[in-house]
PDB file of N, CA and C in Angstrom:
ATOM      1  N   MET A   1     121.808  96.104 -71.846  1.00  0.00           N
ATOM      2  CA  MET A   1     121.555  96.721 -70.623  1.00  0.00           C
ATOM      3  C   MET A   1     120.466  97.988 -70.799  1.00  0.00           C
ATOM      4  N   LYS A   2     120.729  98.780 -71.738  1.00  0.00           N
ATOM      5  CA  LYS A   2     119.757  99.835 -71.956  1.00  0.00           C
ATOM      6  C   LYS A   2     118.429  99.366 -72.349  1.00  0.00           C
ATOM      7  N   LYS A   3     118.350  98.409 -72.868  1.00  0.00           N
ATOM      8  CA  LYS A   3     116.947  98.015 -73.246  1.00  0.00           C
ATOM      9  C   LYS A   3     116.164  97.666 -71.846  1.00  0.00           C
ATOM     10  N   SER A   4     116.846  97.009 -70.965  1.00  0.00           N
ATOM     11  CA  SER A   4     116.226  96.500 -69.637  1.00  0.00           C
ATOM     12  C   SER A   4     115.904  97.996 -69.023  1.00  0.00           C
ATOM     13  N   PHE A   5     116.814  99.017 -68.864  1.00  0.00           N
ATOM     14  CA  PHE A   5     116.625  99.979 -68.369  1.00  0.00           C
ATOM     15  C   PHE A   5     115.330 100.822 -68.901  1.00  0.00           C
ATOM     16  N   TYR A   6     115.324 100.787 -70.180  1.00  0.00           N
ATOM     17  CA  TYR A   6     113.983 101.384 -70.818  1.00  0.00           C
ATOM     18  C   TYR A   6     112.717 100.797 -70.454  1.00  0.00           C
ATOM     19  N   ILE A   7     112.892  99.305 -70.360  1.00  0.00           N
ATOM     20  CA  ILE A   7     111.611  98.745 -70.155  1.00  0.00           C
ATOM     21  C   ILE A   7     111.201  98.782 -68.649  1.00  0.00           C
ATOM     22  N   SER A   8     112.133  98.915 -67.691  1.00  0.00           N
ATOM     23  CA  SER A   8     111.913  99.177 -66.344  1.00  0.00           C
ATOM     24  C   SER A   8     111.274 100.616 -66.248  1.00  0.00           C
ATOM     25  N   GLY A   9     111.820 101.475 -66.874  1.00  0.00           N
ATOM     26  CA  GLY A   9     111.475 102.954 -66.655  1.00  0.00           C
ATOM     27  C   GLY A   9     109.996 102.996 -67.252  1.00  0.00           C
ATOM     28  N   MET A  10     109.629 102.374 -68.271  1.00  0.00           N
ATOM     29  CA  MET A  10     108.197 102.288 -68.872  1.00  0.00           C
ATOM     30  C   MET A  10     107.271 101.543 -67.933  1.00  0.00           C
ATOM     31  N   GLY A  11     107.708 100.603 -67.238  1.00  0.00           N
ATOM     32  CA  GLY A  11     106.935 100.027 -66.235  1.00  0.00           C
ATOM     33  C   GLY A  11     106.444 100.678 -64.999  1.00  0.00           C
ATOM     34  N   LEU A  12     107.541 101.540 -64.645  1.00  0.00           N
ATOM     35  CA  LEU A  12     107.206 102.464 -63.546  1.00  0.00           C
ATOM     36  C   LEU A  12     106.434 103.618 -63.969  1.00  0.00           C
ATOM     37  N   LEU A  13     106.501 104.074 -65.125  1.00  0.00           N
ATOM     38  CA  LEU A  13     105.568 105.113 -65.675  1.00  0.00           C
ATOM     39  C   LEU A  13     104.261 104.505 -65.652  1.00  0.00           C
ATOM     40  N   LEU A  14     104.008 103.434 -66.186  1.00  0.00           N
ATOM     41  CA  LEU A  14     102.729 102.806 -66.117  1.00  0.00           C
ATOM     42  C   LEU A  14     102.215 102.610 -64.639  1.00  0.00           C
ATOM     43  N   LEU A  15     102.791 102.235 -63.812  1.00  0.00           N
ATOM     44  CA  LEU A  15     102.463 102.168 -62.467  1.00  0.00           C
ATOM     45  C   LEU A  15     101.994 103.584 -61.923  1.00  0.00           C
ATOM     46  N   ALA A  16     102.794 104.449 -62.062  1.00  0.00           N
ATOM     47  CA  ALA A  16     102.508 105.797 -61.665  1.00  0.00           C
ATOM     48  C   ALA A  16     101.103 106.287 -62.364  1.00  0.00           C
ATOM     49  N   LEU A  17     100.967 106.187 -63.507  1.00  0.00           N
ATOM     50  CA  LEU A  17      99.699 106.494 -64.132  1.00  0.00           C
ATOM     51  C   LEU A  17      98.518 105.811 -63.643  1.00  0.00           C
ATOM     52  N   ALA A  18      98.686 104.376 -63.458  1.00  0.00           N
ATOM     53  CA  ALA A  18      97.586 103.750 -62.821  1.00  0.00           C
ATOM     54  C   ALA A  18      97.120 104.108 -61.393  1.00  0.00           C
ATOM     55  N   GLY A  19      98.032 104.779 -60.686  1.00  0.00           N
ATOM     56  CA  GLY A  19      97.636 105.126 -59.255  1.00  0.00           C
ATOM     57  C   GLY A  19      96.948 106.585 -59.415  1.00  0.00           C
ATOM     58  N   CYS A  20      96.903 107.194 -60.336  1.00  0.00           N
ATOM     59  CA  CYS A  20      96.119 108.500 -60.603  1.00  0.00           C
ATOM     60  C   CYS A  20      94.590 108.323 -60.562  1.00  0.00           C
ATOM     61  N   THR A  21      93.832 108.979 -59.762  1.00  0.00           N
ATOM     62  CA  THR A  21      92.482 108.946 -59.781  1.00  0.00           C
ATOM     63  C   THR A  21      91.906 110.070 -60.774  1.00  0.00           C
ATOM     64  N   SER A  22      90.654 109.718 -61.242  1.00  0.00           N
ATOM     65  CA  SER A  22      89.883 110.653 -62.131  1.00  0.00           C
ATOM     66  C   SER A  22      89.209 111.627 -61.456  1.00  0.00           C
ATOM     67  N   ASN A  23      88.941 112.807 -61.695  1.00  0.00           N
ATOM     68  CA  ASN A  23      88.155 113.643 -61.139  1.00  0.00           C
ATOM     69  C   ASN A  23      86.879 113.608 -61.775  1.00  0.00           C
ATOM     70  N   TYR A  24      85.509 113.862 -61.195  1.00  0.00           N
ATOM     71  CA  TYR A  24      84.316 113.800 -61.509  1.00  0.00           C
ATOM     72  C   TYR A  24      83.718 115.238 -61.227  1.00  0.00           C
ATOM     73  N   VAL A  25      82.766 115.675 -62.099  1.00  0.00           N
ATOM     74  CA  VAL A  25      82.158 116.970 -61.848  1.00  0.00           C
ATOM     75  C   VAL A  25      80.595 116.504 -61.700  1.00  0.00           C
ATOM     76  N   MET A  26      80.221 116.956 -60.480  1.00  0.00           N
ATOM     77  CA  MET A  26      78.813 116.764 -60.010  1.00  0.00           C
ATOM     78  C   MET A  26      77.984 118.089 -60.257  1.00  0.00           C
ATOM     79  N   THR A  27      76.833 118.025 -60.966  1.00  0.00           N
ATOM     80  CA  THR A  27      76.017 119.161 -60.835  1.00  0.00           C
ATOM     81  C   THR A  27      74.661 118.831 -60.133  1.00  0.00           C
ATOM     82  N   THR A  28      74.490 119.752 -59.261  1.00  0.00           N
ATOM     83  CA  THR A  28      73.260 119.526 -58.451  1.00  0.00           C
ATOM     84  C   THR A  28      71.964 120.126 -59.113  1.00  0.00           C
ATOM     85  N   LYS A  29      70.755 119.721 -58.650  1.00  0.00           N
ATOM     86  CA  LYS A  29      69.465 120.217 -59.270  1.00  0.00           C
ATOM     87  C   LYS A  29      69.476 121.979 -59.005  1.00  0.00           C
ATOM     88  N   SER A  30      69.989 122.342 -57.930  1.00  0.00           N
ATOM     89  CA  SER A  30      70.053 123.819 -57.726  1.00  0.00           C
ATOM     90  C   SER A  30      71.154 124.526 -58.576  1.00  0.00           C
ATOM     91  N   GLY A  31      72.016 123.747 -59.374  1.00  0.00           N
ATOM     92  CA  GLY A  31      72.886 124.514 -60.237  1.00  0.00           C
ATOM     93  C   GLY A  31      74.235 124.537 -59.709  1.00  0.00           C
ATOM     94  N   GLN A  32      74.589 124.114 -58.492  1.00  0.00           N
ATOM     95  CA  GLN A  32      75.944 124.036 -58.122  1.00  0.00           C
ATOM     96  C   GLN A  32      76.721 122.909 -58.624  1.00  0.00           C
ATOM     97  N   THR A  33      78.162 123.297 -58.982  1.00  0.00           N
ATOM     98  CA  THR A  33      79.019 122.430 -59.540  1.00  0.00           C
ATOM     99  C   THR A  33      79.994 122.089 -58.559  1.00  0.00           C
ATOM    100  N   ILE A  34      80.162 120.631 -58.327  1.00  0.00           N
ATOM    101  CA  ILE A  34      81.078 120.201 -57.352  1.00  0.00           C
ATOM    102  C   ILE A  34      82.140 119.374 -58.086  1.00  0.00           C
ATOM    103  N   VAL A  35      83.404 119.543 -57.854  1.00  0.00           N
ATOM    104  CA  VAL A  35      84.526 118.707 -58.497  1.00  0.00           C
ATOM    105  C   VAL A  35      84.948 117.881 -57.346  1.00  0.00           C
ATOM    106  N   THR A  36      85.013 116.478 -57.811  1.00  0.00           N
ATOM    107  CA  THR A  36      85.413 115.698 -56.761  1.00  0.00           C
ATOM    108  C   THR A  36      86.671 114.950 -57.170  1.00  0.00           C
ATOM    109  N   GLU A  37      87.536 114.454 -56.209  1.00  0.00           N
ATOM    110  CA  GLU A  37      88.669 113.678 -56.455  1.00  0.00           C
ATOM    111  C   GLU A  37      88.145 112.109 -56.322  1.00  0.00           C
ATOM    112  N   GLY A  38      88.307 111.502 -57.335  1.00  0.00           N
ATOM    113  CA  GLY A  38      87.746 110.013 -57.322  1.00  0.00           C
ATOM    114  C   GLY A  38      86.092 110.099 -57.681  1.00  0.00           C
ATOM    115  N   LYS A  39      85.908 108.915 -57.872  1.00  0.00           N
ATOM    116  CA  LYS A  39      84.292 108.607 -58.245  1.00  0.00           C
ATOM    117  C   LYS A  39      83.480 108.643 -56.967  1.00  0.00           C
ATOM    118  N   PRO A  40      82.481 109.404 -56.989  1.00  0.00           N
ATOM    119  CA  PRO A  40      81.541 109.595 -55.727  1.00  0.00           C
ATOM    120  C   PRO A  40      80.915 108.178 -55.563  1.00  0.00           C
ATOM    121  N   GLN A  41      80.734 107.805 -54.157  1.00  0.00           N
ATOM    122  CA  GLN A  41      79.872 106.573 -53.800  1.00  0.00           C
ATOM    123  C   GLN A  41      78.654 106.720 -53.378  1.00  0.00           C
ATOM    124  N   LEU A  42      77.761 105.906 -53.833  1.00  0.00           N
ATOM    125  CA  LEU A  42      76.297 105.975 -53.449  1.00  0.00           C
ATOM    126  C   LEU A  42      76.061 104.940 -52.457  1.00  0.00           C
ATOM    127  N   ASP A  43      75.555 105.336 -51.367  1.00  0.00           N
ATOM    128  CA  ASP A  43      75.252 104.405 -50.079  1.00  0.00           C
ATOM    129  C   ASP A  43      73.537 104.215 -50.353  1.00  0.00           C
ATOM    130  N   LYS A  44      73.170 103.189 -50.888  1.00  0.00           N
ATOM    131  CA  LYS A  44      71.779 102.877 -51.202  1.00  0.00           C
ATOM    132  C   LYS A  44      70.834 102.734 -49.825  1.00  0.00           C
ATOM    133  N   GLU A  45      71.539 102.470 -48.828  1.00  0.00           N
ATOM    134  CA  GLU A  45      70.752 102.499 -47.541  1.00  0.00           C
ATOM    135  C   GLU A  45      70.315 103.828 -47.268  1.00  0.00           C
ATOM    136  N   THR A  46      71.119 104.719 -47.277  1.00  0.00           N
ATOM    137  CA  THR A  46      70.871 106.198 -46.749  1.00  0.00           C
ATOM    138  C   THR A  46      70.542 107.083 -47.704  1.00  0.00           C
ATOM    139  N   GLY A  47      70.799 106.686 -49.074  1.00  0.00           N
ATOM    140  CA  GLY A  47      70.338 107.486 -50.288  1.00  0.00           C
ATOM    141  C   GLY A  47      71.377 108.812 -50.348  1.00  0.00           C
ATOM    142  N   MET A  48      72.542 108.582 -49.814  1.00  0.00           N
ATOM    143  CA  MET A  48      73.442 109.648 -49.766  1.00  0.00           C
ATOM    144  C   MET A  48      74.597 109.219 -50.569  1.00  0.00           C
ATOM    145  N   THR A  49      75.299 110.393 -51.313  1.00  0.00           N
ATOM    146  CA  THR A  49      76.440 110.181 -52.174  1.00  0.00           C
ATOM    147  C   THR A  49      77.584 110.665 -51.380  1.00  0.00           C
ATOM    148  N   SER A  50      78.654 109.747 -51.079  1.00  0.00           N
ATOM    149  CA  SER A  50      79.945 110.478 -50.551  1.00  0.00           C
ATOM    150  C   SER A  50      80.921 110.765 -51.629  1.00  0.00           C
ATOM    151  N   TYR A  51      81.731 111.756 -51.250  1.00  0.00           N
ATOM    152  CA  TYR A  51      82.785 112.245 -52.196  1.00  0.00           C
ATOM    153  C   TYR A  51      83.851 112.862 -51.567  1.00  0.00           C
ATOM    154  N   VAL A  52      84.954 112.928 -52.047  1.00  0.00           N
ATOM    155  CA  VAL A  52      85.943 113.908 -51.665  1.00  0.00           C
ATOM    156  C   VAL A  52      86.293 115.028 -52.498  1.00  0.00           C
ATOM    157  N   ASP A  53      86.219 116.183 -51.835  1.00  0.00           N
ATOM    158  CA  ASP A  53      86.255 117.466 -52.455  1.00  0.00           C
ATOM    159  C   ASP A  53      87.882 117.708 -52.883  1.00  0.00           C
ATOM    160  N   GLN A  54      88.017 118.887 -53.503  1.00  0.00           N
ATOM    161  CA  GLN A  54      89.355 119.321 -53.997  1.00  0.00           C
ATOM    162  C   GLN A  54      90.253 119.503 -52.840  1.00  0.00           C
ATOM    163  N   ASP A  55      89.726 119.829 -51.688  1.00  0.00           N
ATOM    164  CA  ASP A  55      90.658 120.127 -50.538  1.00  0.00           C
ATOM    165  C   ASP A  55      90.926 118.854 -49.757  1.00  0.00           C
ATOM    166  N   GLY A  56      90.441 117.693 -50.221  1.00  0.00           N
ATOM    167  CA  GLY A  56      90.653 116.283 -49.513  1.00  0.00           C
ATOM    168  C   GLY A  56      89.668 115.900 -48.592  1.00  0.00           C
ATOM    169  N   ASN A  57      88.792 116.888 -48.358  1.00  0.00           N
ATOM    170  CA  ASN A  57      87.523 116.524 -47.365  1.00  0.00           C
ATOM    171  C   ASN A  57      86.631 115.694 -47.750  1.00  0.00           C
ATOM    172  N   THR A  58      86.072 114.671 -46.909  1.00  0.00           N
ATOM    173  CA  THR A  58      85.147 113.809 -47.206  1.00  0.00           C
ATOM    174  C   THR A  58      83.807 114.489 -47.008  1.00  0.00           C
ATOM    175  N   ARG A  59      82.778 114.525 -48.135  1.00  0.00           N
ATOM    176  CA  ARG A  59      81.535 115.193 -47.862  1.00  0.00           C
ATOM    177  C   ARG A  59      80.502 114.231 -48.400  1.00  0.00           C
ATOM    178  N   GLU A  60      79.149 114.604 -48.032  1.00  0.00           N
ATOM    179  CA  GLU A  60      77.950 113.713 -48.380  1.00  0.00           C
ATOM    180  C   GLU A  60      77.033 114.798 -48.875  1.00  0.00           C
ATOM    181  N   ILE A  61      76.360 114.318 -50.022  1.00  0.00           N
ATOM    182  CA  ILE A  61      75.219 115.005 -50.514  1.00  0.00           C
ATOM    183  C   ILE A  61      74.089 114.135 -50.717  1.00  0.00           C
ATOM    184  N   ASN A  62      72.845 114.563 -50.595  1.00  0.00           N
ATOM    185  CA  ASN A  62      71.623 113.593 -50.859  1.00  0.00           C
ATOM    186  C   ASN A  62      71.743 113.243 -52.289  1.00  0.00           C
ATOM    187  N   SER A  63      71.458 112.156 -52.673  1.00  0.00           N
ATOM    188  CA  SER A  63      71.718 111.537 -54.093  1.00  0.00           C
ATOM    189  C   SER A  63      70.467 112.210 -54.845  1.00  0.00           C
ATOM    190  N   SER A  64      69.414 112.412 -54.230  1.00  0.00           N
ATOM    191  CA  SER A  64      68.220 113.267 -55.159  1.00  0.00           C
ATOM    192  C   SER A  64      68.561 114.543 -55.498  1.00  0.00           C
ATOM    193  N   ASP A  65      69.519 115.304 -54.996  1.00  0.00           N
ATOM    194  CA  ASP A  65      69.937 116.457 -55.181  1.00  0.00           C
ATOM    195  C   ASP A  65      70.808 116.489 -56.417  1.00  0.00           C
ATOM    196  N   VAL A  66      71.434 115.184 -56.690  1.00  0.00           N
ATOM    197  CA  VAL A  66      72.446 115.105 -57.866  1.00  0.00           C
ATOM    198  C   VAL A  66      71.717 115.110 -59.222  1.00  0.00           C
ATOM    199  N   ALA A  67      71.946 116.076 -60.163  1.00  0.00           N
ATOM    200  CA  ALA A  67      71.361 116.084 -61.318  1.00  0.00           C
ATOM    201  C   ALA A  67      72.252 115.554 -62.506  1.00  0.00           C
ATOM    202  N   GLN A  68      73.508 115.536 -62.394  1.00  0.00           N
ATOM    203  CA  GLN A  68      74.334 114.989 -63.291  1.00  0.00           C
ATOM    204  C   GLN A  68      75.825 114.608 -62.789  1.00  0.00           C
ATOM    205  N   LEU A  69      76.474 113.607 -63.255  1.00  0.00           N
ATOM    206  CA  LEU A  69      77.613 113.245 -62.832  1.00  0.00           C
ATOM    207  C   LEU A  69      78.475 112.926 -64.175  1.00  0.00           C
ATOM    208  N   ILE A  70      79.580 113.628 -64.228  1.00  0.00           N
ATOM    209  CA  ILE A  70      80.464 113.407 -65.506  1.00  0.00           C
ATOM    210  C   ILE A  70      81.985 113.200 -65.210  1.00  0.00           C
ATOM    211  N   LYS A  71      82.524 112.328 -65.745  1.00  0.00           N
ATOM    212  CA  LYS A  71      83.975 112.098 -65.640  1.00  0.00           C
ATOM    213  C   LYS A  71      84.692 113.211 -66.245  1.00  0.00           C
ATOM    214  N   ASP A  72      85.719 113.730 -65.437  1.00  0.00           N
ATOM    215  CA  ASP A  72      86.369 114.907 -66.013  1.00  0.00           C
ATOM    216  C   ASP A  72      87.642 114.286 -66.536  1.00  0.00           C
ATOM    217  N   ASN A  73      87.903 114.819 -67.756  1.00  0.00           N
ATOM    218  CA  ASN A  73      89.256 114.273 -68.494  1.00  0.00           C
ATOM    219  C   ASN A  73      90.147 115.033 -68.090  1.00  0.00           C
TER     220      ASN A  73
END
C-alpha cells in the first residue's frame, strides 16, 4: 500500500513540474531587458514577437528590435 501511495505521489509531482513554464529573457537592441513568462511567439506575417510579461499582460515588440533571447533557468 505504501508503495502505490509513493508512486502516485511521484506521478503527481511530475505532472506539477511539467505544467510549469520557463521564463525567457529578451534583450533589445536599445539595451532594454524584458523577462517573459513562457517562450515568446514570432508572427512571421507581421514581423512582431508577442510575449506575456511578468504581470501577465500580453505585449508585442517588433522582432527586428530583439537582439537576444535566452531561456532563464
